[in-house]
Amino acid sequence: MTGIRYGAVLPGGTAPEQLRQAELAEQAGWDGVFSWETGYGVDPWSLLAAVAARTSRVRLGTILTPLPFRRPWKVASQLATLDQLSGGRAILAVGLGAMDEQLPDTGEEPDRRARAARLDEGIDLIQTVWGGGDHYDGQHYRYRSGRFDLAAMARPVQQPIPIWVAARWARPKSMRRVLRCQGVLPEFVFEDREQGPDDVRALRGWLAEQGAPASMDVVIDGETPADDPAVAAAQVKAWADAGTSWWVESRWGMPDTQDERMAAMTERLAAGPPRG
């Protein structure tokens, strides 16, 4: 496992506003820029393609793509295209998809087990086509490459593009899915306490027991202050020491108005990542 990297989830805004924030993130020394994906809104893949053309270093992806709501071969195409345009900087983060009253209701499958089955098949199908496979047969998805060798034109630069998956620690079915991917966005849910670095240590221990490579990413999101670099660095260091490989500034609890959200994230990005 290499040293910890620092990313940020763009909080919203118009496409030009988010593009400017992504450029600021690279200039200020952040390692990754992530958009979020929902039923209707600024399309993350169009946005990230524009970011790829205006940056040279930051990794690019979503936090996260609700894969059971999408056609996995289309997602695979979008990621391969982004990976080519960015010179190998794409990351795909996937999950079951949130059923939240604050998000658009597009009539997707509400059953969690059904979405989990689609998530598993979607991951497998994406990895198949990225690896040059010409067919996939599952319960929910079927794919055939067709006469024309389109896959050769859409071959990613990275082999493979990293897939991060949201998983509930320590539920066996959810965690087994992690072993087929390159990273995990762990969901620590405890009734009597908040999550902490020791939970990452336990997760790292389990991954090692399962034979997962030490290079597997463990991604933690949270908030650090823009105006106190020492406090911010100390907060993240505790997670890094426990085995976290990516710290992602999320700002999920930011102010309600769009102008306040954009101003707060611009200030945080400009302050730079919470390095020690």
Protein backbone atom coordinates (compact mmCIF):
# COMPACT_ATOMS: atom_id res chain seq x y z
CA MET A 1 0.00 0.00 0.00
CA THR A 2 1.33 3.42 -0.94
CA GLY A 3 0.89 6.64 1.05
CA ILE A 4 -2.52 8.18 1.50
CA ARG A 5 -4.05 10.24 -1.29
CA TYR A 6 -6.50 13.11 -1.01
CA GLY A 7 -9.63 13.65 -3.06
CA ALA A 8 -12.72 15.84 -2.97
CA VAL A 9 -16.33 15.32 -4.02
CA LEU A 10 -17.64 18.30 -5.96
CA PRO A 11 -20.74 19.59 -4.14
CA GLY A 12 -22.87 20.42 -7.17
CA GLY A 13 -23.43 23.58 -9.12
CA THR A 14 -23.52 24.05 -12.87
CA ALA A 15 -21.12 22.19 -15.09
CA PRO A 16 -18.87 25.26 -15.63
CA GLU A 17 -18.79 25.92 -11.86
CA GLN A 18 -17.78 22.34 -11.12
CA LEU A 19 -15.17 22.42 -13.87
CA ARG A 20 -13.59 25.50 -12.28
CA GLN A 21 -13.53 23.76 -8.90
CA ALA A 22 -11.88 20.69 -10.42
CA GLU A 23 -9.16 22.85 -11.95
CA LEU A 24 -8.66 24.55 -8.58
CA ALA A 25 -8.32 21.14 -6.91
CA GLU A 26 -5.45 20.15 -9.18
CA GLN A 27 -3.74 23.52 -8.76
CA ALA A 28 -4.02 23.26 -4.96
CA GLY A 29 -2.45 19.79 -4.84
CA TRP A 30 -5.40 17.42 -4.45
CA ASP A 31 -4.98 13.92 -5.91
CA GLY A 32 -8.53 13.19 -7.03
CA VAL A 33 -11.76 14.89 -8.10
CA PHE A 34 -15.04 13.05 -7.80
CA SER A 35 -18.53 13.89 -8.98
CA TRP A 36 -21.78 12.33 -7.82
CA GLU A 37 -24.39 10.66 -9.98
CA THR A 38 -28.15 10.77 -9.67
CA GLY A 39 -31.23 10.34 -11.84
CA TYR A 40 -31.23 13.86 -13.24
CA GLY A 41 -28.58 16.53 -12.90
CA VAL A 42 -25.22 17.51 -14.31
CA ASP A 43 -23.97 14.40 -16.10
CA PRO A 44 -20.81 13.29 -14.29
CA TRP A 45 -19.18 11.61 -17.29
CA SER A 46 -19.52 14.63 -19.56
CA LEU A 47 -18.21 16.78 -16.73
CA LEU A 48 -15.28 14.49 -15.98
CA ALA A 49 -14.35 14.32 -19.66
CA ALA A 50 -14.11 18.11 -19.64
CA VAL A 51 -12.05 17.97 -16.45
CA ALA A 52 -9.73 15.43 -18.11
CA ALA A 53 -9.07 17.89 -20.93
CA ARG A 54 -8.26 20.73 -18.49
CA THR A 55 -6.08 18.80 -16.01
CA SER A 56 -3.10 16.50 -16.20
CA ARG A 57 -2.69 14.79 -12.82
CA VAL A 58 -5.82 14.34 -10.68
CA ARG A 59 -7.65 11.03 -10.69
CA LEU A 60 -11.26 11.26 -11.89
CA GLY A 61 -14.40 9.36 -10.94
CA THR A 62 -17.74 9.27 -9.18
CA ILE A 63 -18.71 8.82 -5.57
CA LEU A 64 -20.71 7.00 -6.46
CA THR A 65 -22.45 5.42 -9.47
CA PRO A 66 -25.64 3.47 -8.60
CA LEU A 67 -24.73 0.57 -10.90
CA PRO A 68 -28.02 -1.41 -10.55
CA PHE A 69 -29.80 1.65 -12.03
CA ARG A 70 -27.52 1.71 -15.09
CA ARG A 71 -26.71 -0.46 -18.10
CA PRO A 72 -23.29 -1.84 -17.15
CA TRP A 73 -21.96 -1.97 -20.73
CA LYS A 74 -22.77 1.74 -21.05
CA VAL A 75 -20.95 2.51 -17.81
CA ALA A 76 -18.00 0.44 -19.05
CA SER A 77 -17.94 2.48 -22.27
CA GLN A 78 -18.05 5.79 -20.40
CA LEU A 79 -15.20 4.80 -18.09
CA ALA A 80 -13.06 3.47 -20.93
CA THR A 81 -13.58 6.72 -22.83
CA LEU A 82 -12.69 8.80 -19.77
CA ASP A 83 -9.64 6.64 -19.14
CA GLN A 84 -8.40 7.21 -22.70
CA LEU A 85 -9.05 10.95 -22.60
CA SER A 86 -7.32 11.33 -19.23
CA GLY A 87 -4.34 9.13 -19.99
CA GLY A 88 -5.30 6.49 -17.45
CA ARG A 89 -6.77 8.50 -14.55
CA ALA A 90 -10.28 7.05 -14.28
CA ILE A 91 -11.78 5.39 -11.20
CA LEU A 92 -15.23 3.78 -10.97
CA ALA A 93 -16.95 3.80 -7.57
CA VAL A 94 -20.19 1.81 -7.44
CA GLY A 95 -22.90 0.90 -4.99
CA LEU A 96 -26.45 -0.37 -4.68
CA GLY A 97 -27.97 3.06 -5.27
CA ALA A 98 -29.73 5.14 -2.64
CA MET A 99 -33.51 5.21 -2.35
CA ASP A 100 -33.80 8.66 -0.82
CA GLU A 101 -36.68 11.14 -0.87
CA GLN A 102 -34.20 13.92 -1.62
CA LEU A 103 -33.14 12.25 -4.88
CA PRO A 104 -35.14 11.90 -8.11
CA ASP A 105 -37.56 8.96 -8.15
CA THR A 106 -37.10 7.12 -11.44
CA GLY A 107 -38.97 3.94 -10.56
CA GLU A 108 -35.90 1.79 -9.96
CA GLU A 109 -35.91 -1.61 -8.27
CA PRO A 110 -36.60 -1.02 -4.55
CA ASP A 111 -35.63 -4.48 -3.29
CA ARG A 112 -32.13 -4.45 -1.80
CA ARG A 113 -31.38 -8.10 -2.65
CA ALA A 114 -32.40 -7.60 -6.27
CA ARG A 115 -30.19 -4.54 -6.53
CA ALA A 116 -27.31 -6.47 -4.94
CA ALA A 117 -27.63 -9.20 -7.58
CA ARG A 118 -27.54 -6.59 -10.35
CA LEU A 119 -24.54 -4.92 -8.72
CA ASP A 120 -22.61 -8.20 -8.67
CA GLU A 121 -23.41 -8.96 -12.30
CA GLY A 122 -22.68 -5.41 -13.37
CA ILE A 123 -19.21 -5.53 -11.84
CA ASP A 124 -18.49 -8.86 -13.53
CA LEU A 125 -19.76 -7.68 -16.91
CA ILE A 126 -17.73 -4.47 -16.80
CA GLN A 127 -14.56 -6.35 -15.92
CA THR A 128 -15.27 -8.83 -18.72
CA VAL A 129 -15.55 -6.22 -21.48
CA TRP A 130 -12.59 -4.20 -20.19
CA GLY A 131 -10.53 -7.38 -20.32
CA GLY A 132 -11.46 -8.01 -23.96
CA GLY A 133 -14.21 -10.57 -23.36
CA ASP A 134 -16.80 -10.82 -26.13
CA HIS A 135 -19.79 -12.15 -24.18
CA TYR A 136 -21.42 -12.29 -20.78
CA ASP A 137 -24.42 -14.33 -19.61
CA GLY A 138 -26.06 -13.58 -16.29
CA GLN A 139 -29.50 -13.70 -14.76
CA HIS A 140 -30.05 -9.96 -15.24
CA TYR A 141 -27.65 -8.99 -18.03
CA ARG A 142 -26.62 -10.46 -21.36
CA TYR A 143 -23.89 -9.09 -23.62
CA ARG A 144 -22.50 -10.04 -27.05
CA SER A 145 -19.77 -8.03 -28.75
CA GLY A 146 -21.24 -8.19 -32.28
CA ARG A 147 -19.50 -8.26 -35.66
CA PHE A 148 -17.41 -5.12 -35.31
CA ASP A 149 -14.46 -5.06 -32.95
CA LEU A 150 -15.67 -2.04 -31.02
CA ALA A 151 -14.07 -3.30 -27.81
CA ALA A 152 -10.59 -2.81 -29.27
CA MET A 153 -11.32 0.87 -29.84
CA ALA A 154 -12.67 1.28 -26.31
CA ARG A 155 -9.87 -0.52 -24.50
CA PRO A 156 -8.94 1.31 -21.28
CA VAL A 157 -5.45 2.62 -20.70
CA GLN A 158 -5.44 1.06 -17.23
CA GLN A 159 -5.72 -2.69 -16.94
CA PRO A 160 -7.89 -2.67 -15.04
CA ILE A 161 -9.55 0.64 -14.28
CA PRO A 162 -9.89 0.53 -10.47
CA ILE A 163 -13.37 -0.32 -9.23
CA TRP A 164 -14.24 0.80 -5.71
CA VAL A 165 -17.38 -0.68 -4.20
CA ALA A 166 -19.44 0.49 -1.24
CA ALA A 167 -19.76 -2.35 1.27
CA ARG A 168 -21.22 -2.76 4.73
CA TRP A 169 -18.67 -3.85 7.32
CA ALA A 170 -18.72 -6.62 8.44
CA ARG A 171 -21.59 -8.28 6.57
CA PRO A 172 -20.20 -11.35 4.76
CA LYS A 173 -22.15 -11.04 1.50
CA SER A 174 -21.41 -7.36 1.17
CA MET A 175 -17.72 -7.79 1.99
CA ARG A 176 -17.19 -10.74 -0.37
CA ARG A 177 -18.06 -8.37 -3.22
CA VAL A 178 -15.04 -6.26 -2.27
CA LEU A 179 -12.65 -9.10 -3.09
CA ARG A 180 -13.57 -8.83 -6.78
CA CYS A 181 -12.68 -5.13 -6.90
CA GLN A 182 -9.69 -2.86 -6.34
CA GLY A 183 -11.04 -0.80 -3.47
CA VAL A 184 -13.75 -0.42 -0.86
CA LEU A 185 -15.79 2.47 0.46
CA PRO A 186 -16.66 0.91 3.82
CA GLU A 187 -19.94 1.62 5.55
CA PHE A 188 -19.40 1.34 9.29
CA VAL A 189 -22.75 1.25 11.06
CA PHE A 190 -22.76 0.90 14.83
CA GLU A 191 -25.64 1.50 17.20
CA ASP A 192 -23.52 2.52 20.18
CA ARG A 193 -20.61 4.50 18.73
CA GLU A 194 -19.22 6.34 15.74
CA GLN A 195 -16.78 4.85 13.28
CA GLY A 196 -13.07 5.30 13.90
CA PRO A 197 -9.60 4.37 12.64
CA ASP A 198 -9.65 1.08 14.57
CA ASP A 199 -12.45 -0.05 12.29
CA VAL A 200 -10.16 0.42 9.31
CA ARG A 201 -7.52 -1.67 11.08
CA ALA A 202 -10.06 -4.45 11.54
CA LEU A 203 -11.09 -4.18 7.89
CA ARG A 204 -7.46 -4.29 6.73
CA GLY A 205 -6.92 -7.38 8.87
CA TRP A 206 -9.90 -9.13 7.30
CA LEU A 207 -8.72 -8.24 3.79
CA ALA A 208 -5.29 -9.70 4.53
CA GLU A 209 -6.87 -12.90 5.86
CA GLN A 210 -8.87 -13.22 2.63
CA GLY A 211 -5.73 -12.86 0.51
CA ALA A 212 -6.57 -9.41 -0.85
CA PRO A 213 -3.56 -7.48 -2.14
CA ALA A 214 -2.07 -4.86 0.15
CA SER A 215 -2.61 -2.37 -2.70
CA MET A 216 -6.41 -2.53 -2.29
CA ASP A 217 -7.75 0.93 -1.61
CA VAL A 218 -9.70 1.72 1.54
CA VAL A 219 -11.54 5.00 1.01
CA ILE A 220 -12.83 7.14 3.89
CA ASP A 221 -14.79 10.34 3.43
CA GLY A 222 -15.17 13.14 5.91
CA GLU A 223 -14.69 16.82 6.60
CA THR A 224 -11.59 18.70 7.73
CA PRO A 225 -11.32 22.42 8.48
CA ALA A 226 -10.04 24.80 5.81
CA ASP A 227 -8.68 27.31 8.31
CA ASP A 228 -6.59 25.03 10.56
CA PRO A 229 -4.10 22.91 8.58
CA ALA A 230 -2.57 21.31 11.69
CA VAL A 231 -5.93 20.06 12.98
CA ALA A 232 -6.90 18.85 9.52
CA ALA A 233 -3.63 16.95 9.07
CA ALA A 234 -3.85 15.34 12.52
CA GLN A 235 -7.42 14.21 11.85
CA VAL A 236 -6.47 12.46 8.63
CA LYS A 237 -3.18 11.06 9.97
CA ALA A 238 -5.08 8.88 12.42
CA TRP A 239 -6.97 7.30 9.53
CA ALA A 240 -3.82 6.99 7.40
CA ASP A 241 -1.96 5.23 10.21
CA ALA A 242 -4.82 2.72 10.39
CA GLY A 243 -4.53 1.81 6.70
CA THR A 244 -6.73 4.30 4.86
CA SER A 245 -5.36 4.88 1.36
CA TRP A 246 -7.73 7.66 0.21
CA TRP A 247 -9.22 10.51 2.25
CA VAL A 248 -12.10 12.16 0.39
CA GLU A 249 -13.49 15.52 1.49
CA SER A 250 -17.22 15.04 1.11
CA ARG A 251 -19.01 18.02 2.70
CA TRP A 252 -22.31 16.11 2.85
CA GLY A 253 -23.30 18.31 5.78
CA MET A 254 -22.68 21.60 4.04
CA PRO A 255 -25.04 24.61 4.17
CA ASP A 256 -28.38 24.36 2.41
CA THR A 257 -28.08 27.06 -0.21
CA GLN A 258 -26.19 26.40 -3.41
CA ASP A 259 -24.12 29.59 -3.14
CA GLU A 260 -23.02 28.64 0.41
CA ARG A 261 -22.13 25.09 -0.68
CA MET A 262 -20.03 26.31 -3.58
CA ALA A 263 -18.26 28.96 -1.48
CA ALA A 264 -17.48 26.50 1.32
CA MET A 265 -16.02 23.90 -1.02
CA THR A 266 -14.04 26.47 -3.00
CA GLU A 267 -12.47 27.64 0.27
CA ARG A 268 -11.63 24.05 1.27
CA LEU A 269 -10.14 23.16 -2.11
CA ALA A 270 -8.04 26.34 -2.20
CA ALA A 271 -6.58 25.52 1.24
CA GLY A 272 -5.11 22.32 -0.19
CA PRO A 273 -5.30 18.74 1.06
CA PRO A 274 -4.78 17.96 4.77
CA ARG A 275 -1.24 16.66 4.43
CA GLY A 276 0.96 16.32 7.47
